[in-house]
Protein backbone atom coordinates (compact mmCIF):
# COMPACT_ATOMS: atom_id res chain seq x y z
CA PRO A 1 -12.85 36.98 13.36
CA LYS A 2 -11.96 39.63 11.40
CA GLU A 3 -9.54 42.36 13.64
CA GLY A 4 -6.87 45.08 12.50
CA MET A 5 -5.05 48.16 13.79
CA PHE A 6 -4.43 51.43 11.90
CA THR A 7 -1.33 52.04 11.19
CA GLY A 8 -1.52 56.18 11.60
CA SER A 9 -0.06 56.07 7.80
CA TYR A 10 -2.04 56.92 4.67
CA ALA A 11 -0.96 55.84 1.16
CA VAL A 12 -2.31 58.28 -1.79
CA ASN A 13 -4.97 56.89 -4.74
CA PRO A 14 -2.66 57.31 -7.36
CA MET A 15 -5.69 58.08 -9.77
CA SER A 16 -7.92 60.51 -7.58
CA GLY A 17 -5.20 61.96 -5.47
CA GLU A 18 -7.09 60.90 -1.85
CA GLN A 19 -5.42 59.46 0.84
CA VAL A 20 -6.56 56.11 1.91
CA PRO A 21 -5.73 54.78 5.36
CA VAL A 22 -3.39 51.88 5.91
CA TRP A 23 -4.41 49.10 8.23
CA ILE A 24 -3.46 46.08 9.47
CA ALA A 25 -5.82 43.14 9.35
CA ASN A 26 -5.93 39.63 9.82
CA TYR A 27 -7.47 38.41 6.94
CA VAL A 28 -5.40 39.34 3.97
CA LEU A 29 -3.16 36.80 2.83
CA VAL A 30 0.38 37.48 2.29
CA ASP A 31 0.83 35.58 -0.43
CA TYR A 32 -1.59 37.12 -2.49
CA GLY A 33 -0.27 39.62 -4.80
CA THR A 34 2.16 42.18 -2.75
CA GLY A 35 0.79 41.17 -0.06
CA ALA A 36 -0.94 44.84 0.60
CA VAL A 37 -4.20 44.93 -0.95
CA MET A 38 -7.27 47.30 -1.93
CA GLY A 39 -9.97 47.51 0.78
CA SER A 40 -13.05 47.80 -1.20
CA PRO A 41 -15.58 47.48 1.03
CA ALA A 42 -18.95 48.12 -0.73
CA HIS A 43 -18.23 45.32 -3.25
CA ASP A 44 -16.33 42.90 -0.97
CA GLU A 45 -17.58 41.00 2.07
CA ARG A 46 -14.64 40.51 4.17
CA ASP A 47 -14.19 44.25 3.81
CA TRP A 48 -17.69 45.06 3.87
CA GLU A 49 -17.62 43.73 7.53
CA PHE A 50 -14.42 44.83 8.58
CA ALA A 51 -15.18 48.30 7.78
CA HIS A 52 -18.28 48.23 9.87
CA LYS A 53 -16.40 47.06 12.67
CA TYR A 54 -13.79 49.80 12.60
CA ASP A 55 -16.64 52.25 11.32
CA LEU A 56 -14.03 53.10 8.38
CA PRO A 57 -15.83 55.00 5.40
CA ILE A 58 -17.67 52.68 2.68
CA LYS A 59 -17.58 54.17 -0.80
CA GLN A 60 -19.77 52.52 -3.47
CA VAL A 61 -17.97 52.55 -6.62
CA VAL A 62 -19.85 50.18 -8.39
CA ALA A 63 -23.74 50.70 -9.44
CA ARG A 64 -26.02 47.69 -10.28
CA GLU A 65 -27.11 48.71 -14.20
CA GLY A 66 -30.41 49.99 -14.76
CA GLU A 67 -30.76 51.71 -11.10
CA GLU A 68 -29.75 55.18 -10.05
CA TYR A 69 -27.48 55.36 -7.48
CA SER A 70 -28.80 56.02 -4.10
CA LEU A 71 -26.39 56.04 -0.57
CA GLU A 72 -29.58 54.88 1.20
CA LYS A 73 -29.90 52.23 -0.93
CA TRP A 74 -26.10 50.94 -1.14
CA GLN A 75 -26.09 49.54 2.73
CA GLU A 76 -25.20 45.98 1.71
CA TRP A 77 -22.09 45.12 -0.14
CA TYR A 78 -22.72 43.39 -3.73
CA HIS A 79 -19.54 41.97 -6.00
CA GLU A 80 -21.84 41.99 -9.37
CA ASP A 81 -20.69 43.81 -12.62
CA GLY A 82 -22.41 47.05 -12.92
CA ILE A 83 -21.53 50.67 -14.60
CA LEU A 84 -19.01 52.50 -12.05
CA VAL A 85 -19.70 55.69 -9.91
CA ASN A 86 -17.95 57.99 -8.06
CA SER A 87 -15.08 57.14 -10.13
CA GLY A 88 -14.00 60.36 -11.67
CA GLU A 89 -13.73 60.62 -15.43
CA PHE A 90 -14.89 56.36 -15.60
CA ASN A 91 -18.11 57.08 -14.47
CA GLY A 92 -20.88 55.65 -16.88
CA GLN A 93 -18.38 52.62 -17.98
CA THR A 94 -19.36 49.32 -17.59
CA SER A 95 -16.64 47.26 -15.45
CA GLU A 96 -15.26 45.46 -18.11
CA GLU A 97 -14.58 48.48 -19.67
CA ALA A 98 -13.41 50.31 -16.95
CA ARG A 99 -11.11 47.82 -16.24
CA LYS A 100 -9.38 48.35 -19.83
CA ASN A 101 -9.25 51.69 -19.21
CA ILE A 102 -7.88 52.65 -15.84
CA THR A 103 -5.15 50.23 -17.03
CA ALA A 104 -4.24 52.03 -20.13
CA ALA A 105 -4.17 55.09 -18.08
CA LEU A 106 -2.23 54.02 -15.07
CA ASN A 107 0.01 52.92 -18.14
CA GLU A 108 0.04 56.13 -19.53
CA ARG A 109 0.73 57.99 -16.78
CA GLY A 110 3.81 55.84 -16.37
CA ILE A 111 2.01 55.15 -12.56
CA GLY A 112 0.97 51.51 -13.20
CA GLU A 113 0.89 48.68 -15.96
CA GLY A 114 -1.53 45.49 -16.13
CA LYS A 115 0.31 42.29 -15.42
CA VAL A 116 -0.82 38.34 -15.80
CA ASN A 117 -0.61 36.47 -12.67
CA PHE A 118 0.87 33.41 -13.47
CA ARG A 119 0.10 30.48 -10.45
CA LEU A 120 2.08 27.85 -12.41
CA ARG A 121 5.69 27.94 -10.60
CA ASP A 122 9.13 26.06 -10.93
CA TRP A 123 8.68 22.58 -10.18
CA LEU A 124 11.60 22.03 -7.37
CA ILE A 125 12.49 18.32 -8.39
CA SER A 126 15.38 17.90 -5.83
CA ARG A 127 15.10 15.25 -2.95
CA GLN A 128 16.90 14.03 -0.07
CA ARG A 129 16.23 10.63 -0.70
CA TYR A 130 18.44 7.55 -1.99
CA TRP A 131 15.26 5.93 -4.17
CA GLY A 132 15.74 8.48 -6.68
CA VAL A 133 17.28 9.49 -10.24
CA PRO A 134 20.66 11.24 -9.70
CA ILE A 135 21.09 14.95 -11.03
CA PRO A 136 23.56 14.11 -13.02
CA VAL A 137 25.55 17.30 -12.04
CA VAL A 138 28.97 17.79 -10.37
CA TYR A 139 30.87 20.76 -8.67
CA CYS A 140 34.09 21.72 -9.39
CA GLU A 141 35.87 24.47 -7.22
CA LYS A 142 37.69 25.90 -10.72
CA CYS A 143 34.86 25.50 -13.12
CA GLY A 144 31.73 25.74 -11.00
CA GLU A 145 28.64 23.46 -11.83
CA GLN A 146 29.12 20.81 -14.78
CA LEU A 147 26.87 18.68 -16.17
CA VAL A 148 28.27 14.72 -16.66
CA PRO A 149 28.99 13.85 -19.84
CA GLU A 150 26.31 12.12 -21.97
CA GLU A 151 28.73 9.38 -22.69
CA GLU A 152 28.85 9.00 -18.81
CA LEU A 153 24.96 8.27 -18.32
CA PRO A 154 23.06 7.39 -16.56
CA VAL A 155 24.50 8.36 -13.62
CA ARG A 156 23.95 4.97 -11.64
CA LEU A 157 22.59 4.86 -7.64
CA PRO A 158 25.39 3.35 -5.19
CA GLU A 159 25.30 0.35 -2.81
CA ASP A 160 27.74 1.48 -0.25
CA VAL A 161 25.37 4.01 1.58
CA LYS A 162 24.71 4.60 4.92
CA PHE A 163 21.09 5.31 5.63
CA GLU A 164 20.99 7.38 8.96
CA SER A 165 19.01 9.96 10.27
CA GLY A 166 20.33 14.08 10.51
CA ALA A 167 22.47 12.70 6.65
CA VAL A 168 21.39 15.42 3.75
CA SER A 169 21.28 12.58 1.64
CA PRO A 170 22.39 8.94 1.87
CA LEU A 171 23.93 9.58 -1.34
CA ALA A 172 26.48 12.08 0.26
CA THR A 173 27.58 8.92 2.84
CA SER A 174 29.11 6.69 -0.01
CA GLU A 175 32.40 7.74 -0.63
CA SER A 176 32.82 6.38 -4.49
CA PHE A 177 29.86 8.29 -5.22
CA LEU A 178 30.35 11.31 -3.81
CA HIS A 179 34.32 12.28 -5.04
CA THR A 180 34.39 12.38 -9.09
CA THR A 181 36.61 14.84 -11.94
CA CYS A 182 35.31 17.44 -13.37
CA PRO A 183 34.05 16.61 -16.89
CA LYS A 184 35.91 20.26 -17.81
CA CYS A 185 39.03 20.43 -16.06
CA GLY A 186 39.55 17.04 -15.04
CA GLY A 187 40.20 18.43 -11.28
CA PRO A 188 38.78 16.99 -8.31
CA ALA A 189 35.02 17.32 -8.00
CA HIS A 190 31.88 16.39 -5.92
CA ARG A 191 28.41 14.94 -7.17
CA GLU A 192 25.01 16.42 -6.59
CA THR A 193 23.80 13.83 -3.49
CA ASP A 194 20.11 15.26 -4.07
CA THR A 195 17.67 12.69 -6.11
CA MET A 196 15.29 13.64 -8.21
CA ASP A 197 11.64 13.67 -7.46
CA THR A 198 10.41 10.02 -8.25
CA PHE A 199 7.88 11.54 -10.63
CA ILE A 200 10.34 12.39 -13.15
CA ASP A 201 10.97 8.34 -13.86
CA SER A 202 7.26 7.03 -13.35
CA SER A 203 5.61 9.53 -15.04
CA TRP A 204 6.59 8.12 -18.83
CA TYR A 205 7.05 4.38 -17.72
CA PHE A 206 4.50 3.56 -20.52
CA LEU A 207 6.99 4.66 -23.19
CA ARG A 208 9.39 2.28 -21.91
CA TYR A 209 7.04 -0.56 -22.16
CA THR A 210 6.42 0.01 -25.80
CA ASP A 211 10.66 -1.33 -26.36
CA ALA A 212 11.15 -2.64 -22.85
CA LYS A 213 14.23 -4.45 -23.87
CA ASN A 214 16.09 -1.52 -25.55
CA ASP A 215 19.55 -1.14 -23.96
CA GLN A 216 20.87 1.77 -26.93
CA VAL A 217 17.94 4.17 -25.79
CA PRO A 218 14.77 4.72 -23.49
CA PHE A 219 12.51 3.94 -26.53
CA ASP A 220 12.49 3.40 -30.15
CA LYS A 221 10.54 6.27 -31.80
CA LYS A 222 8.88 3.99 -34.91
CA ILE A 223 8.16 1.00 -31.89
CA ALA A 224 6.85 3.79 -29.42
CA ASN A 225 4.51 5.41 -32.26
CA TYR A 226 2.67 2.13 -33.43
CA TRP A 227 1.60 1.68 -29.86
CA MET A 228 1.04 4.96 -28.75
CA ASN A 229 -1.57 6.34 -27.54
CA VAL A 230 -2.49 4.10 -23.97
CA ASP A 231 -5.56 3.10 -24.44
CA GLN A 232 -7.62 2.76 -21.60
CA TYR A 233 -5.35 4.21 -17.93
CA ILE A 234 -7.61 2.61 -14.60
CA GLY A 235 -6.49 4.44 -11.32
CA GLY A 236 -7.66 5.92 -8.42
CA ILE A 237 -8.85 9.17 -8.15
CA GLU A 238 -5.59 10.38 -5.95
CA HIS A 239 -3.91 10.15 -9.21
CA ALA A 240 -6.00 12.72 -11.41
CA ILE A 241 -4.14 15.57 -10.00
CA LEU A 242 -0.28 14.62 -9.55
CA HIS A 243 0.26 11.33 -11.61
CA LEU A 244 -1.96 11.86 -14.66
CA LEU A 245 -0.59 15.70 -14.71
CA TYR A 246 2.87 15.05 -15.04
CA SER A 247 2.03 11.87 -17.53
CA ARG A 248 0.81 14.45 -19.60
CA PHE A 249 3.29 17.04 -19.09
CA PHE A 250 5.89 14.68 -20.31
CA VAL A 251 4.29 13.50 -23.19
CA LYS A 252 3.84 16.91 -24.34
CA VAL A 253 7.50 17.69 -23.51
CA ILE A 254 8.87 14.49 -25.70
CA HIS A 255 6.09 15.46 -27.86
CA ASP A 256 7.94 18.62 -28.65
CA LEU A 257 11.04 17.61 -29.13
CA GLY A 258 10.14 15.33 -31.97
CA LEU A 259 10.59 11.79 -30.22
CA ILE A 260 6.79 10.43 -30.59
CA GLU A 261 3.91 11.63 -32.36
CA ALA A 262 1.62 10.91 -29.65
CA ASN A 263 0.11 14.61 -27.55
CA GLU A 264 -1.31 12.53 -25.13
CA PRO A 265 -0.47 9.31 -23.05
CA PHE A 266 -3.62 8.15 -22.79
CA ARG A 267 -7.47 7.79 -25.02
CA GLY A 268 -9.28 6.34 -22.20
CA LEU A 269 -9.41 6.68 -18.16
CA LEU A 270 -11.36 5.17 -15.43
CA THR A 271 -10.88 6.13 -11.86
CA GLN A 272 -12.35 3.63 -10.07
CA GLY A 273 -14.28 4.14 -6.53
CA MET A 274 -13.04 3.36 -2.58
CA VAL A 275 -14.20 0.07 -1.13
CA LEU A 276 -15.85 1.69 2.07
CA LYS A 277 -16.66 0.36 5.46
CA GLU A 278 -19.90 1.93 7.12
CA GLY A 279 -19.20 4.80 5.12
CA SER A 280 -15.99 4.88 5.91
CA LYS A 281 -12.36 4.11 4.43
CA MET A 282 -10.89 0.98 5.71
CA SER A 283 -8.28 1.62 8.61
CA LYS A 284 -6.85 -0.30 11.17
CA SER A 285 -7.04 2.26 13.84
CA LYS A 286 -10.98 2.07 12.95
CA GLY A 287 -11.00 -1.70 13.39
CA ASN A 288 -13.57 -1.71 9.84
CA VAL A 289 -10.54 -3.23 7.88
CA VAL A 290 -12.27 -6.30 5.74
CA SER A 291 -9.75 -9.55 5.26
CA PRO A 292 -10.08 -10.64 1.44
CA GLU A 293 -8.38 -13.94 3.00
CA GLU A 294 -11.75 -14.42 5.34
CA ILE A 295 -13.95 -13.55 2.50
CA ILE A 296 -12.06 -16.06 0.17
CA ASN A 297 -11.85 -18.80 2.33
CA THR A 298 -15.29 -18.85 3.46
CA TYR A 299 -17.44 -17.87 -0.15
CA GLY A 300 -14.31 -18.29 -2.88
CA ALA A 301 -12.55 -16.01 -4.69
CA ASP A 302 -14.87 -15.71 -7.62
CA THR A 303 -17.73 -14.37 -5.37
CA ALA A 304 -15.75 -11.82 -3.73
CA ARG A 305 -15.06 -10.55 -7.15
CA LEU A 306 -18.81 -10.65 -8.03
CA PHE A 307 -19.83 -8.57 -5.18
CA ILE A 308 -17.12 -6.02 -5.82
CA LEU A 309 -17.94 -5.39 -9.42
CA PHE A 310 -21.97 -5.78 -8.94
CA ALA A 311 -22.16 -3.94 -5.45
CA ALA A 312 -21.94 -0.19 -7.20
CA PRO A 313 -20.45 1.48 -10.23
CA VAL A 314 -16.61 0.68 -10.92
CA ASP A 315 -16.18 4.82 -10.56
CA ARG A 316 -18.41 5.01 -7.17
CA ASP A 317 -17.01 4.27 -3.96
CA LEU A 318 -18.42 0.86 -2.42
CA ASP A 319 -20.05 0.13 0.92
CA TRP A 320 -18.93 -3.47 1.91
CA SER A 321 -21.99 -5.56 2.90
CA ASP A 322 -21.64 -8.77 4.12
CA GLN A 323 -24.95 -9.24 3.14
CA GLY A 324 -24.13 -8.26 -0.53
CA VAL A 325 -21.40 -11.06 0.07
CA GLU A 326 -23.67 -13.54 1.07
CA GLY A 327 -26.12 -12.63 -2.26
CA SER A 328 -23.77 -13.27 -4.41
CA TYR A 329 -22.68 -16.89 -3.03
CA ARG A 330 -26.50 -17.98 -3.10
CA PHE A 331 -26.49 -16.32 -6.89
CA LEU A 332 -23.72 -18.53 -8.26
CA GLY A 333 -25.26 -21.58 -6.11
CA ARG A 334 -28.28 -20.51 -8.47
CA VAL A 335 -26.20 -20.60 -11.55
CA TRP A 336 -24.34 -24.12 -10.92
CA ARG A 337 -28.02 -25.53 -10.20
CA ILE A 338 -29.61 -24.50 -13.64
CA VAL A 339 -26.38 -24.95 -15.82
CA ASP A 340 -26.33 -28.70 -14.51
CA ALA A 341 -30.30 -29.33 -14.92
CA TYR A 342 -29.80 -27.34 -18.34
CA ASN A 343 -27.15 -29.56 -19.26
CA GLU A 344 -29.22 -32.77 -18.53
CA GLU A 345 -32.22 -31.40 -20.42
CA GLY A 346 -29.29 -30.48 -23.63
CA LYS A 347 -28.55 -34.59 -23.51
CA LYS A 348 -32.00 -35.41 -24.03
CA ASN A 349 -32.12 -34.86 -27.69
CA VAL A 350 -35.29 -33.12 -27.84
CA THR A 351 -35.52 -31.26 -31.55
CA GLY A 352 -38.00 -29.80 -33.61
CA GLU A 353 -39.10 -26.15 -33.90
CA LEU A 354 -38.99 -23.78 -30.80
CA THR A 355 -42.25 -23.07 -29.14
CA LYS A 356 -43.50 -20.11 -28.55
CA ASP A 357 -41.80 -19.90 -25.18
CA GLU A 358 -38.87 -21.22 -25.88
CA PHE A 359 -38.75 -17.81 -28.53
CA ALA A 360 -38.88 -15.72 -26.04
CA LEU A 361 -36.53 -17.46 -23.95
CA ARG A 362 -34.17 -16.99 -26.87
CA ARG A 363 -35.16 -13.66 -27.32
CA GLU A 364 -34.14 -12.93 -23.70
CA LEU A 365 -30.58 -14.70 -24.16
CA HIS A 366 -29.65 -12.69 -27.10
CA ARG A 367 -31.03 -9.42 -25.27
CA VAL A 368 -28.88 -9.85 -22.78
CA ILE A 369 -25.94 -10.70 -24.67
CA LYS A 370 -25.97 -7.15 -26.56
CA LYS A 371 -26.41 -5.83 -23.15
CA VAL A 372 -23.39 -7.32 -21.38
CA THR A 373 -21.63 -6.31 -24.26
CA GLU A 374 -22.16 -3.05 -24.65
CA ASP A 375 -21.73 -2.33 -20.87
CA LEU A 376 -18.24 -3.66 -21.05
CA ASP A 377 -17.47 -2.31 -24.72
CA ASN A 378 -18.34 0.86 -23.73
CA ASN A 379 -19.08 2.63 -20.10
CA PHE A 380 -17.50 -0.10 -17.75
CA ASN A 381 -20.80 -0.68 -16.25
CA PHE A 382 -19.88 -4.01 -14.62
CA ASN A 383 -22.76 -3.81 -12.05
CA THR A 384 -25.57 -3.26 -14.62
CA ALA A 385 -23.89 -6.29 -17.19
CA ILE A 386 -23.76 -8.52 -13.83
CA SER A 387 -27.77 -7.42 -13.22
CA ALA A 388 -28.71 -8.60 -16.65
CA ILE A 389 -27.13 -11.69 -16.42
CA MET A 390 -28.69 -12.46 -12.86
CA GLU A 391 -32.45 -11.46 -15.31
CA LEU A 392 -31.40 -14.20 -17.41
CA VAL A 393 -31.03 -16.92 -14.89
CA ASN A 394 -34.10 -15.97 -13.48
CA ALA A 395 -35.74 -16.65 -17.23
CA MET A 396 -34.08 -19.47 -17.16
CA TYR A 397 -35.56 -20.90 -13.71
CA ALA A 398 -39.20 -19.56 -14.92
CA HIS A 399 -38.84 -21.32 -18.27
CA LYS A 400 -37.44 -24.75 -16.35
CA ASP A 401 -40.17 -24.47 -13.93
CA LYS A 402 -42.99 -24.37 -16.75
CA ALA A 403 -42.06 -26.63 -18.92
CA GLU A 404 -41.70 -30.43 -18.84
CA THR A 405 -38.39 -30.08 -21.78
CA ILE A 406 -36.75 -27.75 -23.36
CA ASN A 407 -35.00 -27.75 -27.29
CA SER A 408 -31.75 -29.05 -26.73
CA VAL A 409 -29.91 -27.23 -28.93
CA LEU A 410 -31.54 -24.01 -27.26
CA ALA A 411 -30.86 -25.52 -23.59
CA ASN A 412 -27.03 -25.87 -25.31
CA GLU A 413 -26.65 -22.51 -26.26
CA LEU A 414 -28.20 -20.97 -22.94
CA THR A 415 -25.35 -22.71 -20.81
CA HIS A 416 -22.92 -22.13 -22.99
CA SER A 417 -23.34 -18.52 -23.80
CA LEU A 418 -24.19 -17.80 -19.69
CA LEU A 419 -21.12 -18.94 -18.77
CA LEU A 420 -18.92 -17.21 -21.67
CA LEU A 421 -20.68 -13.76 -20.08
CA LEU A 422 -20.23 -14.55 -16.42
CA ALA A 423 -16.47 -15.63 -17.30
CA PRO A 424 -14.68 -12.26 -17.18
CA PHE A 425 -16.76 -11.71 -13.49
CA VAL A 426 -16.33 -15.56 -12.34
CA PRO A 427 -13.41 -17.03 -13.91
CA HIS A 428 -13.01 -20.04 -11.57
CA MET A 429 -16.14 -21.60 -11.60
CA THR A 430 -17.17 -20.96 -14.89
CA GLU A 431 -14.03 -22.62 -15.86
CA GLU A 432 -15.52 -25.86 -14.12
CA LEU A 433 -18.61 -25.57 -15.31
CA TRP A 434 -17.69 -25.29 -18.97
CA HIS A 435 -15.55 -28.50 -18.17
CA GLU A 436 -18.43 -30.35 -16.92
CA LEU A 437 -20.22 -29.27 -20.22
CA GLY A 438 -18.00 -31.42 -21.96
CA GLU A 439 -15.63 -29.07 -23.07
CA THR A 440 -11.63 -29.78 -23.48
CA THR A 441 -10.60 -26.24 -24.28
CA SER A 442 -9.81 -23.38 -21.51
CA ILE A 443 -13.08 -20.85 -21.24
CA HIS A 444 -10.82 -17.68 -21.04
CA THR A 445 -9.82 -18.82 -24.69
CA GLU A 446 -13.05 -18.94 -26.37
CA ASN A 447 -14.48 -16.21 -28.37
CA TRP A 448 -17.37 -13.99 -27.08
CA PRO A 449 -20.93 -14.87 -27.74
CA VAL A 450 -22.33 -12.47 -30.51
CA TYR A 451 -25.90 -11.72 -30.06
CA GLU A 452 -28.66 -11.99 -33.36
CA GLU A 453 -30.53 -9.56 -34.37
CA SER A 454 -32.96 -11.90 -35.77
CA ALA A 455 -33.14 -13.27 -32.38
CA LEU A 456 -34.16 -9.80 -30.64
CA VAL A 457 -37.22 -9.66 -33.42
CA VAL A 458 -40.28 -9.30 -31.29
CA ASP A 459 -43.67 -11.10 -33.38
CA GLU A 460 -46.27 -10.14 -30.32
CA VAL A 461 -46.30 -7.55 -27.86
CA GLU A 462 -48.55 -7.15 -24.54
CA VAL A 463 -51.22 -4.90 -24.94
CA VAL A 464 -52.96 -2.93 -21.78
CA LEU A 465 -56.49 -2.55 -22.25
CA GLN A 466 -57.73 0.76 -20.12
CA VAL A 467 -61.04 2.27 -19.10
CA ASN A 468 -60.70 5.63 -17.90
CA GLY A 469 -57.38 4.98 -17.38
CA LYS A 470 -57.64 1.96 -15.25
CA VAL A 471 -56.50 -1.04 -16.32
CA ARG A 472 -59.12 -3.46 -17.10
CA ASP A 473 -57.53 -6.40 -19.09
CA LYS A 474 -54.43 -7.08 -21.28
CA LEU A 475 -53.97 -8.95 -24.55
CA THR A 476 -50.92 -10.07 -26.40
CA VAL A 477 -51.18 -8.99 -29.96
CA SER A 478 -48.81 -9.21 -33.28
CA VAL A 479 -47.13 -6.54 -33.36
CA ASN A 480 -48.20 -5.67 -36.72
CA ILE A 481 -52.25 -5.51 -36.06
CA THR A 482 -53.74 -1.85 -37.16
CA LYS A 483 -55.75 0.25 -34.75
CA GLU A 484 -58.67 -0.72 -35.60
CA GLU A 485 -58.51 -4.14 -35.00
CA LEU A 486 -56.98 -3.79 -31.48
CA GLU A 487 -59.84 -1.73 -30.89
CA THR A 488 -62.46 -3.70 -31.91
CA MET A 489 -60.85 -6.38 -29.71
CA ALA A 490 -60.82 -4.13 -26.96
CA LYS A 491 -64.14 -3.06 -26.96
CA GLU A 492 -64.92 -7.05 -27.41
CA SER A 493 -63.10 -7.87 -24.46
CA SER A 494 -65.46 -9.46 -21.83
CA ARG A 495 -63.38 -7.54 -18.94
CA VAL A 496 -63.80 -3.96 -20.42
CA GLN A 497 -66.83 -4.51 -21.68
CA GLU A 498 -68.18 -4.78 -17.80
CA PHE A 499 -67.22 -0.97 -17.53
CA THR A 500 -68.68 0.51 -21.01
CA GLU A 501 -72.08 -1.48 -21.25
CA GLY A 502 -74.93 1.44 -20.44
CA LYS A 503 -72.04 3.88 -21.30
CA ASN A 504 -70.92 6.15 -24.32
CA ILE A 505 -67.91 5.84 -25.31
CA VAL A 506 -66.28 9.58 -25.80
CA LYS A 507 -63.06 8.74 -27.89
CA VAL A 508 -60.40 5.99 -27.38
CA ILE A 509 -56.63 6.53 -27.12
CA TYR A 510 -54.30 4.57 -29.05
CA VAL A 511 -50.52 4.06 -28.23
CA PRO A 512 -49.21 1.70 -30.53
CA GLY A 513 -47.61 -1.73 -28.96
CA LYS A 514 -48.75 -0.28 -25.68
CA LEU A 515 -52.03 0.29 -24.07
CA VAL A 516 -55.78 1.48 -25.72
CA ASN A 517 -57.53 3.91 -23.36
CA ILE A 518 -61.78 3.64 -23.81
CA VAL A 519 -63.18 7.20 -22.29
CA VAL A 520 -66.85 6.35 -21.63
CA LYS A 521 -69.35 8.39 -19.64
């Protein structure tokens, strides 16, 4: 609850000359502004509650635009901008105008000025740790604080330190590190024993990666310009505020110093979700930890990978499911069996033109190749890519169940393409099946399958026939069929005629490639 105490003192409003009672309240933040704030009970909920509790005057100074001021109307607080009232010379001004004009008036009278309150503060980078970048500063009684000369950089961490509780810093326990000479006068001096925050050395590591073996400078400008920016950064959401912020800061500083052309560290950012168990973050204390070793020993690493990538979008949290793991395991078994079956079909040397069903199956293959490629290249939609592969496997099973044979060329295209699409998700099993197909190279060195636009062309479509909005029949027709031809076929359908015979056709609704709806009375 909001509580306070009257001090017995009054402050004077410099603009109106009115006395304002000074209260101490438990809800005023000491680090907000000066720690003392002007209460405005008519326009602040907390001030309103406080004023009501202690029976303080509530003076409205902003009215809603288009409404006349009335004390009876204003028995509730509100914070929107409006028109000033009870404000002397500023009456009738909008809130935005009054802010500027009141600030200008305070400035003219020498009793106040407008200031921008910057929330960004100096970054305290010193830490009392061993593992960090030594601060290159020495202290001399005669010369004071001195920077270590550039030719003596870098200052290296000593190895003769003692890690004792209560010590100011482990570096202070190393006599060889602590005692040195002043670079200015040559007299005795001691080194700074704090180290820098580890963000200092971990926020620009990617620049060092571009030229990791350079022993003269951190990185060569030309080489860094060739490689930067980083194409894709992948990390947890907890990095978004700290590491990524500091990385941007360092890259912009290094850019401003003219050391690199890049002004941003990363082109793309992917923040992956967490793996949860029963809706909670995994924790030993909660007893909800899933052992990867157990999953791998029981189902294999490929199953674990497939489940994690399929169970949820990569940027969302994933709730671990034992049933989901088993489902992924069963799917991989289906893949193994269908690849074996189609591999045998491919050996039968069945040639000739593709049947209508085979054309449809090949169309499905190339649709899936296109879908998976787009999902991986553009959005990291691993779950929908895997879903599309599952649809292809289902289509292969459906075709096998109704066809006595399959074109050998198509069978080989299906098995090879299926394994290539699955390889990024299921690297071990696809490698083994790849060699069962007779291939001698690694599947992971093969080119990615490319879909053919011509294979995606649809020659026929299924059209729904309706009578008064209810489905009565379906027709498979050429994509080039005319409206008149389709309407004639619809009216001649025996199933449609059962519901139109003896009735007047009011109108025919035609949706190209989808439906014909005959409306009758």
